[in-house]
Every structure is written in C-alpha cells, then in structure tokens.
N, C-alpha and C. Protein backbone atom coordinates (compact mmCIF):
# COMPACT_ATOMS: atom_id res chain seq x y z
N MET A 1 48.37 -2.68 -2.80
CA MET A 1 47.18 -2.80 -1.99
C MET A 1 46.51 -4.13 -2.31
N ASN A 2 46.15 -4.89 -1.33
CA ASN A 2 45.54 -6.20 -1.52
C ASN A 2 44.03 -6.02 -1.65
N ALA A 3 43.46 -6.51 -2.76
CA ALA A 3 42.03 -6.36 -3.02
C ALA A 3 41.19 -7.35 -2.23
N ARG A 4 41.83 -8.41 -1.79
CA ARG A 4 41.06 -9.41 -1.04
C ARG A 4 40.79 -8.93 0.37
N ALA A 5 39.59 -9.22 0.83
CA ALA A 5 39.25 -8.85 2.21
C ALA A 5 39.95 -9.79 3.16
N GLU A 6 40.43 -9.23 4.21
CA GLU A 6 41.06 -10.04 5.25
C GLU A 6 39.98 -10.78 6.03
N PRO A 7 40.19 -12.05 6.34
CA PRO A 7 39.19 -12.75 7.14
C PRO A 7 39.09 -12.11 8.52
N ARG A 8 37.85 -12.02 9.00
CA ARG A 8 37.64 -11.46 10.33
C ARG A 8 38.14 -12.43 11.38
N ALA A 9 38.70 -11.89 12.41
CA ALA A 9 39.15 -12.73 13.51
C ALA A 9 37.93 -13.34 14.19
N ALA A 10 38.03 -14.60 14.52
CA ALA A 10 36.92 -15.28 15.20
C ALA A 10 36.73 -14.68 16.59
N SER A 11 35.50 -14.49 16.95
CA SER A 11 35.19 -13.95 18.27
C SER A 11 35.41 -15.02 19.32
N ASN A 12 35.86 -14.59 20.48
CA ASN A 12 36.03 -15.52 21.59
C ASN A 12 34.74 -15.72 22.36
N THR A 13 33.69 -14.97 21.99
CA THR A 13 32.40 -15.09 22.66
C THR A 13 31.62 -16.25 22.06
N PRO A 14 31.23 -17.23 22.87
CA PRO A 14 30.43 -18.33 22.32
C PRO A 14 29.14 -17.80 21.71
N LEU A 15 28.73 -18.39 20.60
CA LEU A 15 27.53 -17.96 19.90
C LEU A 15 26.32 -17.97 20.83
N LEU A 16 26.24 -18.96 21.69
CA LEU A 16 25.12 -19.07 22.62
C LEU A 16 24.98 -17.82 23.47
N HIS A 17 26.10 -17.21 23.84
CA HIS A 17 26.06 -16.03 24.71
C HIS A 17 25.53 -14.79 24.02
N THR A 18 25.30 -14.86 22.72
CA THR A 18 24.75 -13.71 22.01
C THR A 18 23.25 -13.83 21.81
N ALA A 19 22.67 -14.96 22.13
CA ALA A 19 21.22 -15.17 21.98
C ALA A 19 20.49 -14.59 23.19
N PRO A 20 19.31 -13.98 22.96
CA PRO A 20 18.55 -13.42 24.09
C PRO A 20 18.25 -14.47 25.15
N GLY A 21 18.47 -14.11 26.40
CA GLY A 21 18.22 -15.03 27.51
C GLY A 21 19.41 -15.89 27.87
N PHE A 22 20.45 -15.86 27.03
CA PHE A 22 21.62 -16.69 27.28
C PHE A 22 22.87 -15.87 27.61
N GLU A 23 22.76 -14.53 27.56
CA GLU A 23 23.91 -13.69 27.85
C GLU A 23 24.23 -13.77 29.33
N PRO A 24 25.49 -14.03 29.69
CA PRO A 24 25.83 -14.09 31.11
C PRO A 24 25.75 -12.71 31.74
N ASP A 25 25.36 -12.67 33.02
CA ASP A 25 25.33 -11.40 33.73
C ASP A 25 26.72 -11.11 34.28
N GLY A 26 26.82 -10.10 35.11
CA GLY A 26 28.11 -9.71 35.67
C GLY A 26 28.78 -10.78 36.51
N ARG A 27 28.00 -11.74 36.99
CA ARG A 27 28.56 -12.84 37.80
C ARG A 27 28.80 -14.09 36.96
N GLY A 28 28.58 -13.99 35.65
CA GLY A 28 28.79 -15.13 34.76
C GLY A 28 27.62 -16.08 34.69
N ASN A 29 26.47 -15.69 35.27
CA ASN A 29 25.29 -16.56 35.25
C ASN A 29 24.44 -16.28 34.02
N CYS A 30 24.00 -17.32 33.38
CA CYS A 30 23.13 -17.22 32.22
C CYS A 30 21.68 -17.26 32.71
N PRO A 31 20.83 -16.29 32.32
CA PRO A 31 19.44 -16.28 32.80
C PRO A 31 18.70 -17.59 32.49
N MET A 32 18.90 -18.13 31.30
CA MET A 32 18.20 -19.35 30.92
C MET A 32 18.61 -20.51 31.82
N ARG A 33 19.89 -20.64 32.07
CA ARG A 33 20.37 -21.73 32.92
C ARG A 33 19.82 -21.57 34.34
N GLU A 34 19.82 -20.33 34.83
CA GLU A 34 19.33 -20.09 36.19
C GLU A 34 17.85 -20.45 36.32
N VAL A 35 17.04 -20.06 35.34
CA VAL A 35 15.61 -20.38 35.38
C VAL A 35 15.39 -21.88 35.24
N LEU A 36 16.10 -22.52 34.31
CA LEU A 36 15.93 -23.97 34.14
C LEU A 36 16.39 -24.74 35.37
N ASP A 37 17.42 -24.24 36.05
CA ASP A 37 17.84 -24.88 37.30
C ASP A 37 16.72 -24.85 38.33
N ARG A 38 15.90 -23.81 38.29
CA ARG A 38 14.83 -23.65 39.27
C ARG A 38 13.56 -24.38 38.88
N VAL A 39 13.16 -24.30 37.64
CA VAL A 39 11.85 -24.85 37.25
C VAL A 39 11.94 -25.95 36.20
N GLY A 40 13.14 -26.33 35.81
CA GLY A 40 13.29 -27.29 34.72
C GLY A 40 13.20 -28.75 35.14
N ASP A 41 13.08 -29.02 36.42
CA ASP A 41 12.98 -30.41 36.84
C ASP A 41 11.53 -30.89 36.69
N THR A 42 11.37 -32.18 36.62
CA THR A 42 10.06 -32.78 36.39
C THR A 42 9.03 -32.34 37.40
N TRP A 43 9.38 -32.37 38.69
CA TRP A 43 8.39 -32.07 39.72
C TRP A 43 7.94 -30.61 39.66
N SER A 44 8.86 -29.69 39.46
CA SER A 44 8.48 -28.27 39.38
C SER A 44 7.55 -28.02 38.21
N LEU A 45 7.86 -28.62 37.07
CA LEU A 45 6.99 -28.46 35.89
C LEU A 45 5.59 -28.97 36.18
N LEU A 46 5.49 -30.14 36.81
CA LEU A 46 4.18 -30.72 37.10
C LEU A 46 3.41 -29.92 38.15
N VAL A 47 4.11 -29.37 39.13
CA VAL A 47 3.44 -28.53 40.12
C VAL A 47 2.87 -27.28 39.45
N VAL A 48 3.67 -26.62 38.62
CA VAL A 48 3.20 -25.40 37.95
C VAL A 48 1.98 -25.72 37.09
N ILE A 49 2.03 -26.80 36.32
CA ILE A 49 0.90 -27.17 35.46
C ILE A 49 -0.35 -27.44 36.31
N ASN A 50 -0.17 -28.12 37.44
CA ASN A 50 -1.33 -28.46 38.29
C ASN A 50 -1.90 -27.27 39.05
N LEU A 51 -1.14 -26.21 39.19
CA LEU A 51 -1.64 -25.01 39.88
C LEU A 51 -2.16 -23.95 38.90
N GLN A 52 -2.10 -24.25 37.64
CA GLN A 52 -2.45 -23.28 36.61
C GLN A 52 -3.90 -22.80 36.68
N GLU A 53 -4.81 -23.68 36.99
CA GLU A 53 -6.24 -23.34 36.95
C GLU A 53 -6.75 -22.69 38.22
N ARG A 54 -6.24 -23.13 39.38
CA ARG A 54 -6.79 -22.65 40.65
C ARG A 54 -5.84 -23.05 41.78
N PRO A 55 -6.02 -22.44 42.97
CA PRO A 55 -5.24 -22.87 44.14
C PRO A 55 -5.59 -24.32 44.50
N VAL A 56 -4.61 -25.04 45.01
CA VAL A 56 -4.80 -26.46 45.34
C VAL A 56 -4.18 -26.73 46.70
N ARG A 57 -4.85 -27.55 47.49
CA ARG A 57 -4.32 -27.97 48.78
C ARG A 57 -3.24 -29.02 48.58
N PHE A 58 -2.38 -29.15 49.60
CA PHE A 58 -1.21 -30.01 49.51
C PHE A 58 -1.56 -31.44 49.13
N ASN A 59 -2.48 -32.07 49.87
CA ASN A 59 -2.79 -33.48 49.60
C ASN A 59 -3.45 -33.68 48.24
N ALA A 60 -4.25 -32.73 47.80
CA ALA A 60 -4.85 -32.83 46.47
C ALA A 60 -3.77 -32.73 45.40
N LEU A 61 -2.79 -31.88 45.64
CA LEU A 61 -1.68 -31.75 44.71
C LEU A 61 -0.85 -33.03 44.67
N ARG A 62 -0.63 -33.61 45.83
CA ARG A 62 0.14 -34.86 45.90
C ARG A 62 -0.59 -35.99 45.16
N ARG A 63 -1.91 -36.04 45.29
CA ARG A 63 -2.68 -37.07 44.58
C ARG A 63 -2.65 -36.83 43.06
N ALA A 64 -2.61 -35.58 42.67
CA ALA A 64 -2.65 -35.23 41.24
C ALA A 64 -1.34 -35.52 40.52
N ILE A 65 -0.23 -35.51 41.27
CA ILE A 65 1.09 -35.71 40.66
C ILE A 65 1.57 -37.11 40.98
N GLU A 66 1.36 -38.00 40.06
CA GLU A 66 1.70 -39.41 40.25
C GLU A 66 3.20 -39.58 40.50
N GLY A 67 3.51 -40.32 41.57
CA GLY A 67 4.90 -40.67 41.85
C GLY A 67 5.66 -39.72 42.75
N ILE A 68 5.09 -38.56 43.07
CA ILE A 68 5.82 -37.61 43.91
C ILE A 68 5.61 -37.98 45.38
N SER A 69 6.70 -37.94 46.15
CA SER A 69 6.61 -38.23 47.58
C SER A 69 6.22 -36.96 48.33
N GLN A 70 5.77 -37.14 49.55
CA GLN A 70 5.40 -35.99 50.38
C GLN A 70 6.60 -35.07 50.55
N ARG A 71 7.76 -35.65 50.81
CA ARG A 71 8.97 -34.85 51.01
C ARG A 71 9.34 -34.08 49.75
N MET A 72 9.31 -34.74 48.59
CA MET A 72 9.69 -34.07 47.35
C MET A 72 8.71 -32.97 47.00
N LEU A 73 7.43 -33.18 47.26
CA LEU A 73 6.45 -32.13 47.00
C LEU A 73 6.71 -30.93 47.92
N THR A 74 7.02 -31.19 49.18
CA THR A 74 7.33 -30.11 50.12
C THR A 74 8.55 -29.32 49.65
N VAL A 75 9.61 -30.02 49.28
CA VAL A 75 10.84 -29.36 48.81
C VAL A 75 10.56 -28.54 47.55
N THR A 76 9.81 -29.12 46.63
CA THR A 76 9.50 -28.44 45.37
C THR A 76 8.67 -27.19 45.61
N LEU A 77 7.63 -27.30 46.43
CA LEU A 77 6.78 -26.15 46.72
C LEU A 77 7.57 -25.04 47.41
N ARG A 78 8.43 -25.40 48.34
CA ARG A 78 9.24 -24.38 49.03
C ARG A 78 10.18 -23.68 48.06
N SER A 79 10.77 -24.43 47.17
CA SER A 79 11.66 -23.85 46.17
C SER A 79 10.91 -22.89 45.25
N LEU A 80 9.74 -23.31 44.79
CA LEU A 80 8.93 -22.45 43.92
C LEU A 80 8.43 -21.22 44.68
N GLU A 81 8.11 -21.39 45.95
CA GLU A 81 7.68 -20.25 46.78
C GLU A 81 8.85 -19.28 46.97
N ARG A 82 10.02 -19.81 47.23
CA ARG A 82 11.22 -18.98 47.42
C ARG A 82 11.52 -18.14 46.19
N ASP A 83 11.29 -18.70 45.01
CA ASP A 83 11.56 -18.00 43.76
C ASP A 83 10.41 -17.11 43.31
N GLY A 84 9.35 -17.03 44.12
CA GLY A 84 8.25 -16.13 43.81
C GLY A 84 7.26 -16.66 42.80
N LEU A 85 7.29 -17.96 42.53
CA LEU A 85 6.39 -18.55 41.54
C LEU A 85 5.11 -19.10 42.17
N VAL A 86 5.18 -19.45 43.44
CA VAL A 86 4.04 -20.04 44.15
C VAL A 86 3.83 -19.28 45.46
N ALA A 87 2.58 -19.07 45.81
CA ALA A 87 2.22 -18.46 47.09
C ALA A 87 1.55 -19.52 47.96
N ARG A 88 1.90 -19.51 49.23
CA ARG A 88 1.34 -20.45 50.21
C ARG A 88 0.41 -19.67 51.13
N THR A 89 -0.82 -20.15 51.25
CA THR A 89 -1.81 -19.48 52.11
C THR A 89 -2.29 -20.47 53.16
N VAL A 90 -2.18 -20.08 54.43
CA VAL A 90 -2.64 -20.91 55.54
C VAL A 90 -3.95 -20.31 56.04
N ARG A 91 -5.00 -21.12 56.05
CA ARG A 91 -6.31 -20.69 56.53
C ARG A 91 -6.43 -21.11 58.01
N PRO A 92 -6.86 -20.19 58.86
CA PRO A 92 -6.92 -20.48 60.30
C PRO A 92 -8.12 -21.35 60.67
N THR A 93 -8.05 -22.60 60.28
CA THR A 93 -9.10 -23.56 60.63
C THR A 93 -8.47 -24.66 61.48
N THR A 94 -9.29 -25.56 61.96
CA THR A 94 -8.78 -26.70 62.71
C THR A 94 -9.16 -27.97 61.97
N PRO A 95 -8.22 -28.71 61.46
CA PRO A 95 -6.80 -28.38 61.33
C PRO A 95 -6.59 -27.29 60.28
N PRO A 96 -5.44 -26.62 60.31
CA PRO A 96 -5.19 -25.55 59.34
C PRO A 96 -5.23 -26.07 57.90
N GLU A 97 -5.82 -25.29 57.03
CA GLU A 97 -5.84 -25.62 55.60
C GLU A 97 -4.73 -24.81 54.93
N VAL A 98 -3.94 -25.49 54.13
CA VAL A 98 -2.86 -24.82 53.40
C VAL A 98 -3.13 -24.98 51.91
N GLU A 99 -3.18 -23.85 51.23
CA GLU A 99 -3.39 -23.85 49.78
C GLU A 99 -2.17 -23.27 49.09
N TYR A 100 -1.93 -23.77 47.89
CA TYR A 100 -0.84 -23.26 47.07
C TYR A 100 -1.43 -22.74 45.77
N ALA A 101 -0.91 -21.60 45.33
CA ALA A 101 -1.40 -20.99 44.09
C ALA A 101 -0.23 -20.37 43.35
N LEU A 102 -0.36 -20.28 42.04
CA LEU A 102 0.65 -19.58 41.27
C LEU A 102 0.53 -18.08 41.52
N THR A 103 1.66 -17.43 41.61
CA THR A 103 1.69 -15.97 41.68
C THR A 103 1.59 -15.44 40.25
N GLU A 104 1.60 -14.12 40.11
CA GLU A 104 1.61 -13.53 38.77
C GLU A 104 2.84 -14.02 37.99
N LEU A 105 3.98 -14.07 38.66
CA LEU A 105 5.20 -14.57 38.03
C LEU A 105 5.05 -16.04 37.65
N GLY A 106 4.42 -16.82 38.52
CA GLY A 106 4.18 -18.23 38.22
C GLY A 106 3.28 -18.42 37.02
N HIS A 107 2.23 -17.60 36.92
CA HIS A 107 1.35 -17.68 35.75
C HIS A 107 2.09 -17.30 34.48
N SER A 108 3.05 -16.39 34.59
CA SER A 108 3.77 -15.95 33.40
C SER A 108 4.66 -17.06 32.83
N ILE A 109 5.09 -17.99 33.67
CA ILE A 109 5.92 -19.09 33.17
C ILE A 109 5.08 -20.31 32.81
N ALA A 110 3.83 -20.36 33.26
CA ALA A 110 2.96 -21.50 32.97
C ALA A 110 2.71 -21.63 31.46
N GLY A 111 2.59 -20.51 30.76
CA GLY A 111 2.37 -20.55 29.30
C GLY A 111 3.52 -21.23 28.57
N PRO A 112 4.77 -20.79 28.78
CA PRO A 112 5.89 -21.48 28.13
C PRO A 112 6.01 -22.95 28.53
N ILE A 113 5.70 -23.27 29.78
CA ILE A 113 5.75 -24.67 30.21
C ILE A 113 4.67 -25.47 29.48
N GLY A 114 3.48 -24.90 29.34
CA GLY A 114 2.41 -25.57 28.59
C GLY A 114 2.80 -25.77 27.14
N ALA A 115 3.46 -24.77 26.54
CA ALA A 115 3.91 -24.89 25.15
C ALA A 115 4.94 -26.01 25.02
N LEU A 116 5.83 -26.13 25.99
CA LEU A 116 6.81 -27.22 25.99
C LEU A 116 6.11 -28.56 26.10
N GLY A 117 5.09 -28.63 26.94
CA GLY A 117 4.31 -29.87 27.07
C GLY A 117 3.62 -30.24 25.77
N ALA A 118 3.06 -29.25 25.08
CA ALA A 118 2.41 -29.51 23.79
C ALA A 118 3.43 -29.99 22.77
N TRP A 119 4.61 -29.37 22.76
CA TRP A 119 5.67 -29.80 21.85
C TRP A 119 6.07 -31.24 22.15
N ALA A 120 6.21 -31.57 23.43
CA ALA A 120 6.59 -32.92 23.83
C ALA A 120 5.56 -33.94 23.37
N ALA A 121 4.28 -33.64 23.56
CA ALA A 121 3.22 -34.56 23.14
C ALA A 121 3.24 -34.76 21.63
N GLU A 122 3.49 -33.68 20.90
CA GLU A 122 3.50 -33.75 19.44
C GLU A 122 4.72 -34.48 18.89
N ASN A 123 5.85 -34.41 19.58
CA ASN A 123 7.10 -34.92 19.03
C ASN A 123 7.70 -36.12 19.76
N ARG A 124 7.04 -36.60 20.79
CA ARG A 124 7.59 -37.72 21.56
C ARG A 124 7.83 -38.95 20.70
N ASP A 125 6.87 -39.31 19.85
CA ASP A 125 7.04 -40.50 19.02
C ASP A 125 8.20 -40.35 18.05
N ARG A 126 8.37 -39.15 17.49
CA ARG A 126 9.49 -38.91 16.58
C ARG A 126 10.83 -39.03 17.31
N MET A 127 10.88 -38.54 18.53
CA MET A 127 12.11 -38.65 19.31
C MET A 127 12.41 -40.10 19.66
N ARG A 128 11.37 -40.85 20.02
CA ARG A 128 11.57 -42.27 20.33
C ARG A 128 12.07 -43.02 19.10
N ALA A 129 11.49 -42.72 17.93
CA ALA A 129 11.92 -43.38 16.70
C ALA A 129 13.38 -43.05 16.39
N ALA A 130 13.76 -41.79 16.56
CA ALA A 130 15.15 -41.39 16.32
C ALA A 130 16.08 -42.09 17.30
N ARG A 131 15.68 -42.19 18.56
CA ARG A 131 16.49 -42.86 19.57
C ARG A 131 16.66 -44.34 19.24
N ASN A 132 15.57 -44.98 18.84
CA ASN A 132 15.64 -46.40 18.47
C ASN A 132 16.53 -46.62 17.26
N ALA A 133 16.44 -45.73 16.26
CA ALA A 133 17.29 -45.85 15.07
C ALA A 133 18.75 -45.65 15.44
N PHE A 134 19.02 -44.69 16.29
CA PHE A 134 20.39 -44.44 16.73
C PHE A 134 20.95 -45.66 17.46
N ASP A 135 20.16 -46.18 18.41
CA ASP A 135 20.60 -47.34 19.19
C ASP A 135 20.81 -48.56 18.31
N ALA A 136 19.94 -48.75 17.31
CA ALA A 136 20.09 -49.89 16.40
C ALA A 136 21.36 -49.76 15.57
N ALA A 137 21.67 -48.55 15.13
CA ALA A 137 22.88 -48.32 14.32
C ALA A 137 24.14 -48.48 15.16
N ALA A 138 24.05 -48.16 16.44
CA ALA A 138 25.21 -48.24 17.33
C ALA A 138 25.48 -49.67 17.77
N ALA A 139 24.48 -50.54 17.66
CA ALA A 139 24.63 -51.92 18.15
C ALA A 139 25.43 -52.77 17.20
C-alpha cells in the first residue's frame, strides 16, 4: 500500500468559472461578461452616473457628458433602456419634453459604478506610474 497521497487530477474547469458572477450559464454566457458588454463602455458608465441624482433631459445630458455626440448618446440611451436600466418619459408638451431616469435596476448598478469611479480616482496615478515604468523598461 502506498502511503503517499496521489496528486489530484487537475480540473478542466477554468478557475474564473468558479467565482461568483463568472459561472457560464447553459448557453456558455458569463454573467459578468454580459453585464460589462452592456454597461462597461465609457458612455454607458457616464450616462448612469449622470442620471443617478434625478431624471435629465436629452440635451442637458449631452451637455453634461463631454465629448459625446448626439448619435452616440441616442444609441447609448436606447441600449440602457432596452436592458431595463433607464426609463424614457415623453411629456405631451409642444415641443415634447423627453426625460431619462434610472430605473430601480439602474440605481442598483449605479453604486458599483460609483465605487469603480472612486477606485479609479484613488489609483489612477499609481497605474500611470506603473505604465511609465513598464514602458521605460521595455524601451
């Protein structure tokens, strides 16, 4: 009888797939990847942050988000509305007023997005320093 323990066979499941939020569903989709595909782009993050306090009209939102085009804001808002994160309300005035607001689901993701923003503000200089050191060593 061999007293030594046999090494366990390595699992074929990637470690990432065992972490909460990263397990693939029946179609092979990872929840984290799916959510980041929807709200992980710069414009979506900025729209969510700008709608956090109150409903905002389209042009006010466009002025608040530096660099966003009218088309990109429209596409972003429609995408967020489609995913249930933003609600669009049309007021029957002349001309019609359109307001955008976060839904309950949208408010639930605003907290994690705000935390990511705080982390970015706190660590941006450290990341830049690391990038500069890496680039200097590679040159």
